[in-house]
């Protein structure tokens, strides 16, 4: 985020891709959105969530949806820490929280239509701005 903040709020970025293992708390950018450039499309692969995994992941998703200029976000939630003793752990931990927030795999948050689905090992959240 330091790199994005150094660009300044006047900059507009068509696409930002973040891959690796950023911890969920690192992805809570919404509170600092006024210091960041506008981002039209955001693609994030995130892991390193703290316990409780579900609450930590949903906070990161909802925070990212507050970014200025955002039209679409694809967020892949992975579990890559020692907390994950098997590949389905992230799904077991996060799925109930996502299903509570977005029942049946879809819903609305911060002006976005949000869908989520399980992939082989991860959970993919896709958010698209609702045009009004």
N, C-alpha and C. Protein backbone atom coordinates (compact mmCIF):
# COMPACT_ATOMS: atom_id res chain seq x y z
N UNK A 1 0.82 -1.18 0.00
CA UNK A 1 0.00 0.00 0.00
C UNK A 1 0.87 1.25 0.00
N UNK A 2 2.06 1.17 0.53
CA UNK A 2 2.95 2.33 0.55
C UNK A 2 3.21 2.81 -0.88
N UNK A 3 3.39 1.86 -1.79
CA UNK A 3 3.62 2.22 -3.19
C UNK A 3 2.42 2.97 -3.76
N UNK A 4 1.22 2.45 -3.52
CA UNK A 4 0.01 3.12 -4.01
C UNK A 4 -0.15 4.50 -3.38
N UNK A 5 0.11 4.59 -2.10
CA UNK A 5 -0.02 5.88 -1.42
C UNK A 5 0.98 6.88 -1.99
N UNK A 6 2.15 6.42 -2.36
CA UNK A 6 3.17 7.34 -2.91
C UNK A 6 2.75 7.91 -4.26
N UNK A 7 1.84 7.25 -4.96
CA UNK A 7 1.34 7.76 -6.25
C UNK A 7 0.44 8.97 -6.06
N UNK A 8 -0.21 9.04 -4.91
CA UNK A 8 -1.08 10.17 -4.64
C UNK A 8 -2.51 9.93 -5.09
N UNK A 9 -3.39 10.69 -4.53
CA UNK A 9 -4.82 10.52 -4.79
C UNK A 9 -5.26 11.01 -6.16
N UNK A 10 -4.45 11.82 -6.83
CA UNK A 10 -4.83 12.37 -8.13
C UNK A 10 -4.69 11.35 -9.26
N UNK A 11 -3.91 10.31 -9.04
CA UNK A 11 -3.65 9.30 -10.07
C UNK A 11 -4.85 8.38 -10.24
N UNK A 12 -5.06 7.92 -11.48
CA UNK A 12 -6.09 6.92 -11.79
C UNK A 12 -5.41 5.70 -12.39
N UNK A 13 -5.74 4.54 -11.86
CA UNK A 13 -5.16 3.30 -12.35
C UNK A 13 -6.28 2.43 -12.93
N UNK A 14 -6.07 1.94 -14.14
CA UNK A 14 -7.08 1.10 -14.77
C UNK A 14 -7.17 -0.26 -14.11
N UNK A 15 -6.02 -0.79 -13.66
CA UNK A 15 -6.00 -2.14 -13.08
C UNK A 15 -4.85 -2.27 -12.10
N UNK A 16 -5.14 -2.90 -10.97
CA UNK A 16 -4.11 -3.22 -9.98
C UNK A 16 -4.24 -4.70 -9.67
N UNK A 17 -3.11 -5.42 -9.74
CA UNK A 17 -3.07 -6.84 -9.44
C UNK A 17 -2.13 -7.06 -8.27
N UNK A 18 -2.63 -7.73 -7.25
CA UNK A 18 -1.82 -8.03 -6.07
C UNK A 18 -1.85 -9.54 -5.88
N UNK A 19 -0.67 -10.14 -5.95
CA UNK A 19 -0.57 -11.59 -5.75
C UNK A 19 0.49 -11.85 -4.71
N UNK A 20 0.39 -12.98 -4.10
CA UNK A 20 1.32 -13.35 -3.07
C UNK A 20 0.54 -13.74 -1.83
N UNK A 21 1.03 -13.36 -0.70
CA UNK A 21 0.38 -13.74 0.54
C UNK A 21 0.22 -12.54 1.45
N UNK A 22 -0.45 -11.48 0.97
CA UNK A 22 -0.66 -10.34 1.88
C UNK A 22 -1.62 -10.74 2.99
N UNK A 23 -1.30 -10.38 4.20
CA UNK A 23 -2.20 -10.65 5.31
C UNK A 23 -3.47 -9.82 5.14
N UNK A 24 -4.56 -10.32 5.67
CA UNK A 24 -5.85 -9.65 5.51
C UNK A 24 -5.81 -8.22 6.02
N UNK A 25 -5.16 -8.00 7.16
CA UNK A 25 -5.16 -6.65 7.71
C UNK A 25 -4.41 -5.67 6.82
N UNK A 26 -3.49 -6.17 6.00
CA UNK A 26 -2.78 -5.33 5.05
C UNK A 26 -3.74 -4.86 3.96
N UNK A 27 -4.79 -5.62 3.71
CA UNK A 27 -5.73 -5.31 2.65
C UNK A 27 -6.91 -4.46 3.11
N UNK A 28 -6.90 -3.99 4.32
CA UNK A 28 -7.97 -3.14 4.80
C UNK A 28 -7.66 -1.69 4.42
N UNK A 29 -7.80 -1.39 3.12
CA UNK A 29 -7.41 -0.10 2.56
C UNK A 29 -8.52 0.94 2.62
N UNK A 30 -9.73 0.52 2.88
CA UNK A 30 -10.87 1.42 2.81
C UNK A 30 -10.72 2.66 3.69
N UNK A 31 -10.16 2.49 4.87
CA UNK A 31 -10.01 3.62 5.78
C UNK A 31 -9.03 4.66 5.25
N UNK A 32 -8.16 4.26 4.33
CA UNK A 32 -7.16 5.18 3.79
C UNK A 32 -7.42 5.50 2.32
N UNK A 33 -8.63 5.26 1.86
CA UNK A 33 -8.96 5.43 0.44
C UNK A 33 -8.70 6.84 -0.08
N UNK A 34 -8.82 7.85 0.78
CA UNK A 34 -8.61 9.23 0.32
C UNK A 34 -7.15 9.53 0.03
N UNK A 35 -6.24 8.70 0.49
CA UNK A 35 -4.81 8.89 0.23
C UNK A 35 -4.32 8.07 -0.96
N UNK A 36 -5.19 7.24 -1.52
CA UNK A 36 -4.79 6.31 -2.58
C UNK A 36 -5.31 6.77 -3.93
N UNK A 37 -4.67 6.32 -5.02
CA UNK A 37 -5.20 6.64 -6.35
C UNK A 37 -6.52 5.93 -6.58
N UNK A 38 -7.29 6.42 -7.54
CA UNK A 38 -8.50 5.71 -7.94
C UNK A 38 -8.08 4.44 -8.66
N UNK A 39 -8.76 3.35 -8.37
CA UNK A 39 -8.47 2.05 -8.99
C UNK A 39 -9.76 1.55 -9.62
N UNK A 40 -9.73 1.34 -10.93
CA UNK A 40 -10.93 0.89 -11.62
C UNK A 40 -11.18 -0.60 -11.45
N UNK A 41 -10.15 -1.43 -11.63
CA UNK A 41 -10.29 -2.87 -11.47
C UNK A 41 -9.19 -3.37 -10.54
N UNK A 42 -9.60 -4.17 -9.56
CA UNK A 42 -8.67 -4.70 -8.56
C UNK A 42 -8.73 -6.21 -8.58
N UNK A 43 -7.56 -6.84 -8.68
CA UNK A 43 -7.46 -8.30 -8.62
C UNK A 43 -6.50 -8.65 -7.49
N UNK A 44 -7.01 -9.38 -6.50
CA UNK A 44 -6.22 -9.69 -5.32
C UNK A 44 -6.27 -11.18 -5.03
N UNK A 45 -5.12 -11.74 -4.75
CA UNK A 45 -5.05 -13.09 -4.19
C UNK A 45 -4.50 -12.91 -2.79
N UNK A 46 -5.30 -13.24 -1.79
CA UNK A 46 -4.94 -12.94 -0.40
C UNK A 46 -4.99 -14.17 0.48
N UNK A 47 -4.12 -14.20 1.44
CA UNK A 47 -4.08 -15.26 2.45
C UNK A 47 -3.58 -14.65 3.74
N UNK A 48 -3.12 -15.47 4.64
CA UNK A 48 -2.56 -14.98 5.89
C UNK A 48 -3.58 -14.40 6.84
N UNK A 49 -4.80 -14.89 6.79
CA UNK A 49 -5.85 -14.34 7.63
C UNK A 49 -5.67 -14.76 9.08
N UNK A 50 -6.01 -13.83 9.98
CA UNK A 50 -5.98 -14.12 11.41
C UNK A 50 -7.27 -14.82 11.80
N UNK A 51 -7.22 -15.44 12.95
CA UNK A 51 -8.44 -16.02 13.52
C UNK A 51 -9.27 -14.91 14.10
N UNK A 52 -10.56 -14.95 13.99
CA UNK A 52 -11.32 -15.91 13.20
C UNK A 52 -11.15 -15.63 11.70
N UNK A 53 -10.86 -16.66 10.96
CA UNK A 53 -10.56 -16.50 9.53
C UNK A 53 -11.69 -15.83 8.77
N UNK A 54 -12.92 -16.25 9.01
CA UNK A 54 -14.06 -15.72 8.26
C UNK A 54 -14.24 -14.23 8.49
N UNK A 55 -14.21 -13.80 9.73
CA UNK A 55 -14.40 -12.38 10.04
C UNK A 55 -13.26 -11.54 9.47
N UNK A 56 -12.05 -12.04 9.55
CA UNK A 56 -10.89 -11.32 9.02
C UNK A 56 -10.99 -11.16 7.50
N UNK A 57 -11.41 -12.21 6.81
CA UNK A 57 -11.53 -12.17 5.35
C UNK A 57 -12.65 -11.23 4.92
N UNK A 58 -13.79 -11.29 5.57
CA UNK A 58 -14.92 -10.43 5.17
C UNK A 58 -14.61 -8.96 5.43
N UNK A 59 -13.86 -8.65 6.49
CA UNK A 59 -13.44 -7.26 6.73
C UNK A 59 -12.57 -6.77 5.60
N UNK A 60 -11.65 -7.61 5.14
CA UNK A 60 -10.77 -7.23 4.03
C UNK A 60 -11.58 -6.98 2.76
N UNK A 61 -12.50 -7.86 2.44
CA UNK A 61 -13.32 -7.70 1.23
C UNK A 61 -14.12 -6.40 1.30
N UNK A 62 -14.82 -6.18 2.40
CA UNK A 62 -15.66 -4.99 2.51
C UNK A 62 -14.82 -3.71 2.53
N UNK A 63 -13.63 -3.76 3.08
CA UNK A 63 -12.76 -2.59 3.07
C UNK A 63 -12.30 -2.27 1.66
N UNK A 64 -11.90 -3.28 0.89
CA UNK A 64 -11.45 -3.06 -0.48
C UNK A 64 -12.55 -2.48 -1.35
N UNK A 65 -13.80 -2.81 -1.06
CA UNK A 65 -14.91 -2.29 -1.86
C UNK A 65 -15.16 -0.80 -1.62
N UNK A 66 -14.49 -0.21 -0.66
CA UNK A 66 -14.62 1.22 -0.40
C UNK A 66 -13.66 2.08 -1.21
N UNK A 67 -12.77 1.45 -1.99
CA UNK A 67 -11.78 2.21 -2.74
C UNK A 67 -12.43 3.13 -3.77
N UNK A 68 -11.84 4.30 -3.93
CA UNK A 68 -12.36 5.29 -4.89
C UNK A 68 -12.19 4.78 -6.32
N UNK A 69 -13.22 4.99 -7.13
CA UNK A 69 -13.16 4.68 -8.55
C UNK A 69 -13.35 3.21 -8.89
N UNK A 70 -13.49 2.37 -7.91
CA UNK A 70 -13.57 0.93 -8.15
C UNK A 70 -14.84 0.56 -8.91
N UNK A 71 -14.68 -0.20 -9.98
CA UNK A 71 -15.81 -0.71 -10.78
C UNK A 71 -15.94 -2.22 -10.61
N UNK A 72 -14.79 -2.89 -10.44
CA UNK A 72 -14.81 -4.35 -10.34
C UNK A 72 -13.65 -4.83 -9.47
N UNK A 73 -13.92 -5.86 -8.67
CA UNK A 73 -12.88 -6.48 -7.86
C UNK A 73 -13.04 -7.98 -7.91
N UNK A 74 -11.92 -8.66 -8.08
CA UNK A 74 -11.88 -10.12 -8.00
C UNK A 74 -10.90 -10.43 -6.88
N UNK A 75 -11.42 -11.06 -5.83
CA UNK A 75 -10.61 -11.33 -4.64
C UNK A 75 -10.63 -12.82 -4.38
N UNK A 76 -9.45 -13.44 -4.44
CA UNK A 76 -9.33 -14.87 -4.17
C UNK A 76 -8.80 -15.01 -2.75
N UNK A 77 -9.58 -15.69 -1.92
CA UNK A 77 -9.23 -15.89 -0.52
C UNK A 77 -8.58 -17.26 -0.38
N UNK A 78 -7.32 -17.26 0.04
CA UNK A 78 -6.56 -18.48 0.20
C UNK A 78 -6.17 -18.64 1.65
N UNK A 79 -5.87 -19.84 2.02
CA UNK A 79 -5.28 -20.07 3.34
C UNK A 79 -3.91 -20.67 3.12
N UNK A 80 -2.89 -19.91 3.43
CA UNK A 80 -1.52 -20.33 3.17
C UNK A 80 -0.70 -20.36 4.44
N UNK A 81 -1.35 -20.21 5.58
CA UNK A 81 -0.62 -20.17 6.84
C UNK A 81 -0.63 -21.53 7.51
N UNK A 82 0.09 -21.64 8.61
CA UNK A 82 0.14 -22.89 9.36
C UNK A 82 -1.20 -23.24 9.98
N UNK A 83 -2.16 -22.28 9.99
CA UNK A 83 -3.50 -22.56 10.51
C UNK A 83 -4.22 -23.57 9.63
N UNK A 84 -3.81 -23.68 8.39
CA UNK A 84 -4.51 -24.52 7.42
C UNK A 84 -3.86 -25.90 7.39
N UNK A 85 -4.49 -26.83 8.03
CA UNK A 85 -3.91 -28.17 8.08
C UNK A 85 -4.35 -29.01 6.89
N UNK A 86 -5.36 -28.58 6.17
CA UNK A 86 -5.78 -29.26 4.96
C UNK A 86 -6.35 -28.21 3.99
N UNK A 87 -6.42 -28.58 2.72
CA UNK A 87 -6.77 -27.61 1.70
C UNK A 87 -8.18 -27.04 1.86
N UNK A 88 -9.10 -27.77 2.46
CA UNK A 88 -10.47 -27.28 2.58
C UNK A 88 -10.68 -26.36 3.78
N UNK A 89 -9.64 -26.13 4.57
CA UNK A 89 -9.78 -25.35 5.80
C UNK A 89 -10.30 -23.94 5.55
N UNK A 90 -9.78 -23.27 4.54
CA UNK A 90 -10.21 -21.91 4.25
C UNK A 90 -11.69 -21.89 3.88
N UNK A 91 -12.13 -22.87 3.12
CA UNK A 91 -13.54 -22.92 2.75
C UNK A 91 -14.42 -23.17 3.97
N UNK A 92 -14.01 -24.06 4.85
CA UNK A 92 -14.79 -24.36 6.04
C UNK A 92 -14.86 -23.16 6.97
N UNK A 93 -13.80 -22.37 7.02
CA UNK A 93 -13.76 -21.23 7.94
C UNK A 93 -14.48 -20.01 7.39
N UNK A 94 -14.35 -19.76 6.11
CA UNK A 94 -14.88 -18.53 5.53
C UNK A 94 -16.28 -18.71 4.94
N UNK A 95 -16.58 -19.87 4.42
CA UNK A 95 -17.87 -20.09 3.78
C UNK A 95 -19.07 -19.70 4.65
N UNK A 96 -19.14 -20.10 5.92
CA UNK A 96 -20.31 -19.71 6.72
C UNK A 96 -20.45 -18.19 6.87
N UNK A 97 -19.34 -17.49 6.97
CA UNK A 97 -19.40 -16.03 7.12
C UNK A 97 -19.86 -15.39 5.82
N UNK A 98 -19.31 -15.84 4.69
CA UNK A 98 -19.75 -15.31 3.39
C UNK A 98 -21.21 -15.65 3.14
N UNK A 99 -21.61 -16.87 3.49
CA UNK A 99 -23.00 -17.25 3.27
C UNK A 99 -23.94 -16.46 4.17
N UNK A 100 -23.48 -16.08 5.35
CA UNK A 100 -24.30 -15.23 6.20
C UNK A 100 -24.42 -13.82 5.66
N UNK A 101 -23.34 -13.32 5.07
CA UNK A 101 -23.33 -11.95 4.52
C UNK A 101 -23.94 -11.91 3.13
N UNK A 102 -23.68 -12.94 2.32
CA UNK A 102 -24.17 -13.03 0.94
C UNK A 102 -24.82 -14.40 0.75
N UNK A 103 -26.04 -14.58 1.26
CA UNK A 103 -26.69 -15.90 1.22
C UNK A 103 -26.85 -16.43 -0.20
N UNK A 104 -26.59 -17.72 -0.34
CA UNK A 104 -26.75 -18.35 -1.65
C UNK A 104 -25.69 -17.96 -2.64
N UNK A 105 -24.65 -17.30 -2.20
CA UNK A 105 -23.54 -16.94 -3.08
C UNK A 105 -23.64 -15.58 -3.73
N UNK A 106 -24.61 -14.75 -3.30
CA UNK A 106 -24.68 -13.41 -3.90
C UNK A 106 -25.34 -12.43 -2.95
N UNK A 107 -25.12 -11.16 -3.22
CA UNK A 107 -25.71 -10.11 -2.41
C UNK A 107 -25.20 -8.75 -2.86
N UNK A 108 -25.44 -7.76 -2.02
CA UNK A 108 -25.03 -6.38 -2.32
C UNK A 108 -24.24 -5.84 -1.14
N UNK A 109 -23.17 -5.11 -1.44
CA UNK A 109 -22.36 -4.46 -0.39
C UNK A 109 -21.73 -3.20 -0.96
N UNK A 110 -21.88 -2.10 -0.27
CA UNK A 110 -21.23 -0.84 -0.65
C UNK A 110 -21.47 -0.45 -2.10
N UNK A 111 -22.67 -0.71 -2.62
CA UNK A 111 -22.98 -0.37 -4.01
C UNK A 111 -22.46 -1.36 -5.03
N UNK A 112 -22.07 -2.54 -4.60
CA UNK A 112 -21.56 -3.58 -5.49
C UNK A 112 -22.47 -4.80 -5.46
N UNK A 113 -22.63 -5.42 -6.61
CA UNK A 113 -23.24 -6.74 -6.68
C UNK A 113 -22.10 -7.73 -6.42
N UNK A 114 -22.26 -8.55 -5.40
CA UNK A 114 -21.19 -9.45 -4.97
C UNK A 114 -21.63 -10.90 -5.15
N UNK A 115 -20.77 -11.68 -5.79
CA UNK A 115 -20.99 -13.12 -5.88
C UNK A 115 -19.74 -13.81 -5.36
N UNK A 116 -19.93 -14.99 -4.85
CA UNK A 116 -18.77 -15.77 -4.41
C UNK A 116 -19.00 -17.24 -4.73
N UNK A 117 -17.89 -17.94 -4.93
CA UNK A 117 -17.97 -19.37 -5.21
C UNK A 117 -16.72 -20.06 -4.70
N UNK A 118 -16.89 -21.31 -4.42
CA UNK A 118 -15.74 -22.13 -4.04
C UNK A 118 -15.03 -22.59 -5.29
N UNK A 119 -13.72 -22.55 -5.25
CA UNK A 119 -12.92 -23.16 -6.31
C UNK A 119 -12.34 -24.43 -5.70
N UNK A 120 -11.40 -25.03 -6.34
CA UNK A 120 -10.88 -26.30 -5.81
C UNK A 120 -10.37 -26.15 -4.39
N UNK A 121 -9.57 -25.14 -4.12
CA UNK A 121 -9.00 -24.97 -2.79
C UNK A 121 -9.35 -23.64 -2.13
N UNK A 122 -9.80 -22.69 -2.90
CA UNK A 122 -9.98 -21.32 -2.42
C UNK A 122 -11.43 -20.88 -2.54
N UNK A 123 -11.65 -19.63 -2.21
CA UNK A 123 -12.94 -18.99 -2.44
C UNK A 123 -12.69 -17.74 -3.26
N UNK A 124 -13.48 -17.57 -4.32
CA UNK A 124 -13.34 -16.40 -5.18
C UNK A 124 -14.55 -15.49 -4.98
N UNK A 125 -14.27 -14.23 -4.68
CA UNK A 125 -15.31 -13.22 -4.50
C UNK A 125 -15.20 -12.24 -5.67
N UNK A 126 -16.31 -12.02 -6.37
CA UNK A 126 -16.33 -11.07 -7.50
C UNK A 126 -17.35 -10.00 -7.17
N UNK A 127 -16.92 -8.74 -7.25
CA UNK A 127 -17.80 -7.61 -6.97
C UNK A 127 -17.79 -6.67 -8.16
N UNK A 128 -18.99 -6.30 -8.60
CA UNK A 128 -19.14 -5.36 -9.72
C UNK A 128 -20.03 -4.21 -9.27
N UNK A 129 -19.56 -3.00 -9.56
CA UNK A 129 -20.32 -1.80 -9.19
C UNK A 129 -21.69 -1.83 -9.83
N UNK A 130 -22.70 -1.53 -9.04
CA UNK A 130 -24.06 -1.43 -9.55
C UNK A 130 -24.22 -0.03 -10.09
N UNK A 131 -24.49 0.10 -11.40
CA UNK A 131 -24.67 1.42 -12.01
C UNK A 131 -26.04 1.94 -11.64
N UNK A 132 -26.07 3.17 -11.16
CA UNK A 132 -27.35 3.77 -10.76
C UNK A 132 -27.67 4.94 -11.66
